[in-house]
Amino acid sequence: MTSKTIFSTEPHKGWLPWGILAPFLFIAFVIASVLIPSPWLRSLGLEDAEGGPIGLNGMYAYLVVAFALNGLMVLAWIWLVERRPLSTVGLTGPAPLTTLFRGLLIGWVTISTVVASIGFAGGYQVGEFGPALSSPAPLGSMAILLLCFAIQAGVEEFIFRGWLLSVVTRKWGQLAAVVATTLVFTFLHWSPGQAWQDMLGSALFSVFACLWAIRAGNIWGVMGWHIGWNWLLSIGFGVPVTGFVVDLPALLVHLIPQGPDLLTGGSQGPEASWICSGLFLIGIVFLLLPRKV
C-alpha cells in the first residue's frame, strides 16, 4: 500500500495537482456540477428547493445530469491539464465489457445477500412478491433506471476510484489515496443529522471499492458492481437506496422495514445496516489478503 503506482505507469505530460489540493479540487467539481444545472432542473419541476428529485422523471434527471456533467469536467481536466491517458485512471485491462458485466452480477448478488440477511434477522416484513410484474409500465421505467444508474455509478467510480485515487496515489502512495478518497466520499454522502452508522457504511463502501480497484488494476469490475448494487437496491425491494425511495413497485418482493435502524438502516436503507457494514468488512479483509502465487 506504499506504492505510488496504480493502474498504469504511463507518466502525465501536464500538471498533476498537489496531493493536498486534489480532494478540494474534486469537491469543487462536484459542487459546480450540482449548482450549474440546478436552476434549469427547478424550472422544469424536476428538483425541489433542497436539491432533491421530484417524481420519477426527477430521479432520472438527478442520476444523469449532474453526474454526467461532473464526469465531463474531470475528463476534460485529465485530458487538458494533467494530459495523461485514460489507462492511468483505471480504464484499462483486457475484456472491459466482460469485467463490467461480471461486476454487475456480483453487485446483484451482494446486495441481495445483504437484504436477505436483514430479512432473516427479522428486519423486514415480507409483502407482495413481484408487484412490478403485474404491468409493463414499471418494467420500462426500471430499464431506464438501469441506464441512469450506469451513468451515476459509472461516473462515481470514474471520478472517485479512477481519478482521485490515482492522482493522490501518484503524490502520496496508495494508503494515503485510499484514506483521502474515503474521507471525500464519506463527506459528500453526509447530510446534517445523519446517524453515525450511515457514515460508517459510506466509509466502508469506499474502502472496499478502492481496494477492489487497486487489486484488479482497473475500475471496470467495481464500476459494474456499483451499478448493479444501486440499481437492484433501488427497484428490487421497495426500500431506500442512500436515503432515496424510487416511486415504483418492487421488482422482486416488497419489503416493509421493522425493527431497529441498526438492523434495517432506517431511512438510509440497507447500506446503513450493521449487516451491510459486516459484509464490507469481510470484503475488505479478503481484498487485503496476499495473492496466491
Protein backbone atom coordinates (compact mmCIF):
# COMPACT_ATOMS: atom_id res chain seq x y z
CA MET A 1 0.00 0.00 0.00
CA THR A 2 3.07 2.28 -0.12
CA SER A 3 3.36 2.06 -3.91
CA LYS A 4 2.98 5.27 -5.91
CA THR A 5 1.86 3.32 -8.96
CA ILE A 6 -1.72 2.35 -9.72
CA PHE A 7 -3.44 1.15 -12.91
CA SER A 8 -0.62 2.27 -15.25
CA THR A 9 2.96 3.53 -15.08
CA GLU A 10 2.46 5.87 -18.03
CA PRO A 11 3.57 9.37 -16.98
CA HIS A 12 1.49 12.51 -17.04
CA LYS A 13 2.60 15.15 -19.54
CA GLY A 14 0.86 18.10 -17.91
CA TRP A 15 0.34 19.40 -14.38
CA LEU A 16 -0.69 17.00 -11.63
CA PRO A 17 -2.32 18.79 -8.67
CA TRP A 18 -0.61 18.65 -5.29
CA GLY A 19 -1.81 15.80 -3.13
CA ILE A 20 -3.46 18.12 -0.59
CA LEU A 21 -5.17 20.10 -3.36
CA ALA A 22 -6.73 17.13 -5.20
CA PRO A 23 -9.57 16.43 -2.69
CA PHE A 24 -10.58 20.11 -2.62
CA LEU A 25 -10.44 20.33 -6.40
CA PHE A 26 -12.61 17.22 -6.53
CA ILE A 27 -15.20 18.77 -4.18
CA ALA A 28 -15.20 21.94 -6.31
CA PHE A 29 -16.00 19.88 -9.41
CA VAL A 30 -18.90 18.19 -7.58
CA ILE A 31 -20.33 21.49 -6.29
CA ALA A 32 -20.13 23.08 -9.74
CA SER A 33 -21.81 20.11 -11.42
CA VAL A 34 -24.71 20.35 -8.95
CA LEU A 35 -25.15 24.14 -8.93
CA ILE A 36 -24.87 24.78 -12.67
CA PRO A 37 -27.91 22.71 -13.81
CA SER A 38 -29.97 23.29 -10.64
CA PRO A 39 -31.94 26.40 -11.82
CA TRP A 40 -32.82 24.65 -15.07
CA LEU A 41 -33.98 21.48 -13.29
CA ARG A 42 -36.10 23.51 -10.86
CA SER A 43 -37.70 25.43 -13.73
CA LEU A 44 -38.75 22.08 -15.21
CA GLY A 45 -40.23 20.92 -11.88
CA LEU A 46 -37.69 18.10 -11.56
CA GLU A 47 -35.89 19.35 -8.44
CA ASP A 48 -37.20 20.64 -5.12
CA ALA A 49 -35.89 23.57 -3.07
CA GLU A 50 -33.43 21.31 -1.25
CA GLY A 51 -32.00 19.84 -4.45
CA GLY A 52 -33.86 16.54 -4.21
CA PRO A 53 -35.58 14.85 -7.16
CA ILE A 54 -39.32 15.29 -7.74
CA GLY A 55 -41.07 12.20 -9.07
CA LEU A 56 -39.66 9.54 -11.34
CA ASN A 57 -38.58 11.98 -14.05
CA GLY A 58 -36.81 13.98 -11.38
CA MET A 59 -34.97 10.84 -10.32
CA TYR A 60 -33.87 10.23 -13.92
CA ALA A 61 -32.54 13.79 -14.10
CA TYR A 62 -30.91 13.54 -10.66
CA LEU A 63 -28.97 10.45 -11.70
CA VAL A 64 -27.92 11.72 -15.12
CA VAL A 65 -27.48 15.48 -15.40
CA ALA A 66 -25.14 16.44 -12.55
CA PHE A 67 -23.19 13.19 -12.67
CA ALA A 68 -22.66 13.38 -16.44
CA LEU A 69 -21.52 16.99 -16.11
CA ASN A 70 -19.18 16.04 -13.27
CA GLY A 71 -17.71 13.21 -15.31
CA LEU A 72 -17.12 15.52 -18.28
CA MET A 73 -15.40 18.08 -16.05
CA VAL A 74 -13.00 15.50 -14.64
CA LEU A 75 -12.42 14.01 -18.10
CA ALA A 76 -11.56 17.45 -19.50
CA TRP A 77 -9.19 18.05 -16.58
CA ILE A 78 -7.39 14.74 -17.18
CA TRP A 79 -7.01 15.38 -20.91
CA LEU A 80 -6.27 19.11 -20.95
CA VAL A 81 -4.48 19.81 -17.65
CA GLU A 82 -2.88 16.57 -16.47
CA ARG A 83 -2.54 15.28 -20.03
CA ARG A 84 -2.47 11.61 -19.18
CA PRO A 85 -4.17 8.63 -20.86
CA LEU A 86 -7.36 7.06 -19.51
CA SER A 87 -5.43 3.89 -18.72
CA THR A 88 -3.92 5.79 -15.77
CA VAL A 89 -7.38 6.30 -14.24
CA GLY A 90 -8.34 2.64 -14.37
CA LEU A 91 -9.98 2.44 -17.80
CA THR A 92 -7.62 -0.30 -18.85
CA GLY A 93 -7.24 -4.07 -18.87
CA PRO A 94 -8.46 -6.90 -21.12
CA ALA A 95 -12.15 -7.59 -21.86
CA PRO A 96 -13.58 -4.47 -20.18
CA LEU A 97 -17.21 -5.28 -21.04
CA THR A 98 -16.89 -8.81 -19.66
CA THR A 99 -15.32 -7.45 -16.49
CA LEU A 100 -18.04 -4.81 -16.21
CA PHE A 101 -20.81 -7.37 -16.62
CA ARG A 102 -19.19 -9.73 -14.11
CA GLY A 103 -19.08 -6.86 -11.63
CA LEU A 104 -22.75 -6.14 -12.35
CA LEU A 105 -23.68 -9.72 -11.44
CA ILE A 106 -21.60 -9.55 -8.27
CA GLY A 107 -23.40 -6.34 -7.36
CA TRP A 108 -26.78 -8.04 -7.73
CA VAL A 109 -25.65 -10.99 -5.63
CA THR A 110 -24.08 -8.93 -2.85
CA ILE A 111 -26.98 -6.52 -2.34
CA SER A 112 -29.43 -9.45 -2.47
CA THR A 113 -27.33 -11.17 0.21
CA VAL A 114 -27.45 -8.06 2.41
CA VAL A 115 -31.21 -7.64 2.05
CA ALA A 116 -31.87 -11.36 2.61
CA SER A 117 -29.66 -11.37 5.70
CA ILE A 118 -31.52 -8.40 7.17
CA GLY A 119 -34.77 -10.20 6.44
CA PHE A 120 -33.65 -13.42 8.13
CA ALA A 121 -32.59 -11.34 11.14
CA GLY A 122 -36.16 -10.04 11.43
CA GLY A 123 -35.64 -6.65 9.82
CA TYR A 124 -38.37 -6.92 7.19
CA GLN A 125 -42.00 -7.86 6.95
CA VAL A 126 -42.50 -9.61 3.62
CA GLY A 127 -45.19 -8.15 1.39
CA GLU A 128 -46.23 -8.92 -2.17
CA PHE A 129 -43.89 -10.86 -4.45
CA GLY A 130 -43.07 -9.27 -7.82
CA PRO A 131 -45.68 -6.48 -7.79
CA ALA A 132 -43.90 -4.75 -10.70
CA LEU A 133 -44.59 -7.76 -12.93
CA SER A 134 -48.32 -7.04 -12.99
CA SER A 135 -47.87 -4.22 -15.53
CA PRO A 136 -45.33 -3.48 -18.29
CA ALA A 137 -45.05 0.22 -17.38
CA PRO A 138 -42.84 -0.22 -14.28
CA LEU A 139 -40.53 -2.56 -16.20
CA GLY A 140 -39.88 0.13 -18.80
CA SER A 141 -39.09 2.62 -16.05
CA MET A 142 -36.74 0.10 -14.45
CA ALA A 143 -34.88 -0.31 -17.74
CA ILE A 144 -34.47 3.46 -17.95
CA LEU A 145 -33.23 3.48 -14.35
CA LEU A 146 -30.60 0.87 -15.23
CA LEU A 147 -29.21 3.26 -17.84
CA CYS A 148 -29.41 6.15 -15.37
CA PHE A 149 -27.59 4.21 -12.66
CA ALA A 150 -24.99 3.16 -15.23
CA ILE A 151 -24.22 6.86 -15.67
CA GLN A 152 -24.45 7.75 -11.97
CA ALA A 153 -22.45 4.84 -10.55
CA GLY A 154 -20.13 4.70 -13.55
CA VAL A 155 -19.21 8.35 -13.13
CA GLU A 156 -18.79 7.95 -9.36
CA GLU A 157 -16.28 5.16 -9.88
CA PHE A 158 -14.52 7.09 -12.65
CA ILE A 159 -14.07 10.23 -10.54
CA PHE A 160 -13.51 8.61 -7.11
CA ARG A 161 -11.71 5.33 -7.71
CA GLY A 162 -10.39 6.35 -11.12
CA TRP A 163 -9.21 9.95 -10.94
CA LEU A 164 -8.97 10.91 -7.24
CA LEU A 165 -7.50 7.58 -6.12
CA SER A 166 -4.90 7.65 -8.90
CA VAL A 167 -3.84 11.28 -8.57
CA VAL A 168 -3.32 11.04 -4.79
CA THR A 169 -1.51 7.70 -5.24
CA ARG A 170 0.98 9.36 -7.60
CA LYS A 171 1.69 12.01 -4.96
CA TRP A 172 1.42 10.20 -1.61
CA GLY A 173 1.05 6.46 -2.27
CA GLN A 174 -1.86 4.01 -2.22
CA LEU A 175 -2.61 4.05 1.52
CA ALA A 176 -2.92 7.84 1.66
CA ALA A 177 -5.01 7.72 -1.53
CA VAL A 178 -7.49 5.24 -0.04
CA VAL A 179 -7.80 7.40 3.10
CA ALA A 180 -8.24 10.64 1.14
CA THR A 181 -10.73 9.12 -1.30
CA THR A 182 -12.75 7.61 1.54
CA LEU A 183 -12.84 10.88 3.50
CA VAL A 184 -14.10 12.79 0.46
CA PHE A 185 -16.61 10.06 -0.46
CA THR A 186 -17.99 9.96 3.09
CA PHE A 187 -18.16 13.76 3.32
CA LEU A 188 -20.07 14.07 0.05
CA HIS A 189 -22.55 11.38 1.15
CA TRP A 190 -23.09 13.05 4.53
CA SER A 191 -26.11 15.17 5.42
CA PRO A 192 -26.96 17.04 8.65
CA GLY A 193 -28.49 14.85 11.33
CA GLN A 194 -27.24 11.65 9.76
CA ALA A 195 -26.59 8.78 12.19
CA TRP A 196 -23.05 7.52 12.74
CA GLN A 197 -23.80 4.13 11.20
CA ASP A 198 -24.81 5.84 7.95
CA MET A 199 -21.38 7.47 7.69
CA LEU A 200 -19.67 4.22 8.67
CA GLY A 201 -21.48 2.44 5.86
CA SER A 202 -20.34 5.06 3.33
CA ALA A 203 -16.75 4.86 4.55
CA LEU A 204 -16.61 1.06 4.37
CA PHE A 205 -18.26 1.15 0.94
CA SER A 206 -15.47 3.43 -0.27
CA VAL A 207 -12.61 1.44 1.28
CA PHE A 208 -13.99 -1.76 -0.26
CA ALA A 209 -14.33 -0.14 -3.69
CA CYS A 210 -10.83 1.39 -3.51
CA LEU A 211 -9.23 -1.93 -2.60
CA TRP A 212 -11.15 -3.71 -5.37
CA ALA A 213 -9.86 -1.19 -7.93
CA ILE A 214 -6.29 -1.46 -6.64
CA ARG A 215 -6.30 -5.25 -6.59
CA ALA A 216 -7.90 -5.54 -10.04
CA GLY A 217 -5.69 -2.90 -11.62
CA ASN A 218 -8.71 -1.26 -13.26
CA ILE A 219 -12.13 0.14 -12.36
CA TRP A 220 -14.31 -1.88 -14.75
CA GLY A 221 -15.29 -4.54 -12.22
CA VAL A 222 -16.03 -2.21 -9.33
CA MET A 223 -17.91 0.07 -11.72
CA GLY A 224 -20.19 -2.80 -12.76
CA TRP A 225 -20.61 -3.82 -9.12
CA HIS A 226 -21.66 -0.30 -8.11
CA ILE A 227 -24.15 -0.10 -10.99
CA GLY A 228 -25.70 -3.48 -10.17
CA TRP A 229 -25.79 -2.75 -6.44
CA ASN A 230 -27.54 0.63 -6.79
CA TRP A 231 -29.98 -0.49 -9.46
CA LEU A 232 -31.26 -3.66 -7.81
CA LEU A 233 -31.41 -1.98 -4.41
CA SER A 234 -33.50 0.84 -5.87
CA ILE A 235 -36.05 -1.29 -7.74
CA GLY A 236 -35.88 -4.78 -6.27
CA PHE A 237 -37.34 -4.49 -2.79
CA GLY A 238 -39.12 -1.17 -2.26
CA VAL A 239 -36.52 0.01 0.27
CA PRO A 240 -34.41 3.21 0.24
CA VAL A 241 -31.09 3.49 -1.58
CA THR A 242 -28.85 6.08 0.11
CA GLY A 243 -31.93 7.78 1.53
CA PHE A 244 -33.94 7.89 -1.70
CA VAL A 245 -37.03 5.80 -2.44
CA VAL A 246 -37.85 5.19 -6.10
CA ASP A 247 -41.57 5.56 -6.78
CA LEU A 248 -42.05 2.15 -8.39
CA PRO A 249 -43.46 -1.20 -7.26
CA ALA A 250 -40.77 -3.69 -6.24
CA LEU A 251 -39.42 -6.00 -8.93
CA LEU A 252 -38.70 -8.98 -6.65
CA VAL A 253 -40.54 -8.55 -3.36
CA HIS A 254 -41.98 -5.62 -1.44
CA LEU A 255 -40.30 -5.45 1.96
CA ILE A 256 -41.54 -3.40 4.91
CA PRO A 257 -38.77 -2.45 7.37
CA GLN A 258 -39.35 -3.33 11.01
CA GLY A 259 -37.03 -3.36 13.98
CA PRO A 260 -34.13 -1.09 14.96
CA ASP A 261 -32.39 1.21 12.48
CA LEU A 262 -29.07 -0.50 13.23
CA LEU A 263 -30.54 -3.60 11.60
CA THR A 264 -32.59 -2.12 8.75
CA GLY A 265 -30.57 1.02 8.08
CA GLY A 266 -33.61 3.20 8.77
CA SER A 267 -34.35 5.95 6.26
CA GLN A 268 -30.98 5.43 4.57
CA GLY A 269 -31.78 1.85 3.62
CA PRO A 270 -29.80 -1.40 3.92
CA GLU A 271 -26.46 0.31 3.21
CA ALA A 272 -26.58 1.76 6.76
CA SER A 273 -27.29 -1.63 8.38
CA TRP A 274 -24.67 -3.29 10.56
CA ILE A 275 -25.12 -6.35 8.37
CA CYS A 276 -24.01 -4.40 5.31
CA SER A 277 -21.07 -2.97 7.25
CA GLY A 278 -20.12 -6.51 8.26
CA LEU A 279 -20.22 -7.63 4.62
CA PHE A 280 -17.93 -4.77 3.61
CA LEU A 281 -15.51 -5.60 6.42
CA ILE A 282 -15.33 -9.21 5.21
CA GLY A 283 -14.77 -7.97 1.66
CA ILE A 284 -12.04 -5.57 2.82
CA VAL A 285 -10.20 -8.35 4.66
CA PHE A 286 -10.45 -10.59 1.58
CA LEU A 287 -9.06 -7.88 -0.70
CA LEU A 288 -6.16 -7.26 1.69
CA LEU A 289 -5.13 -10.92 1.68
CA PRO A 290 -1.97 -11.58 -0.36
CA ARG A 291 -2.48 -13.12 -3.76
CA LYS A 292 -1.68 -16.81 -4.15
CA VAL A 293 1.37 -17.34 -6.33
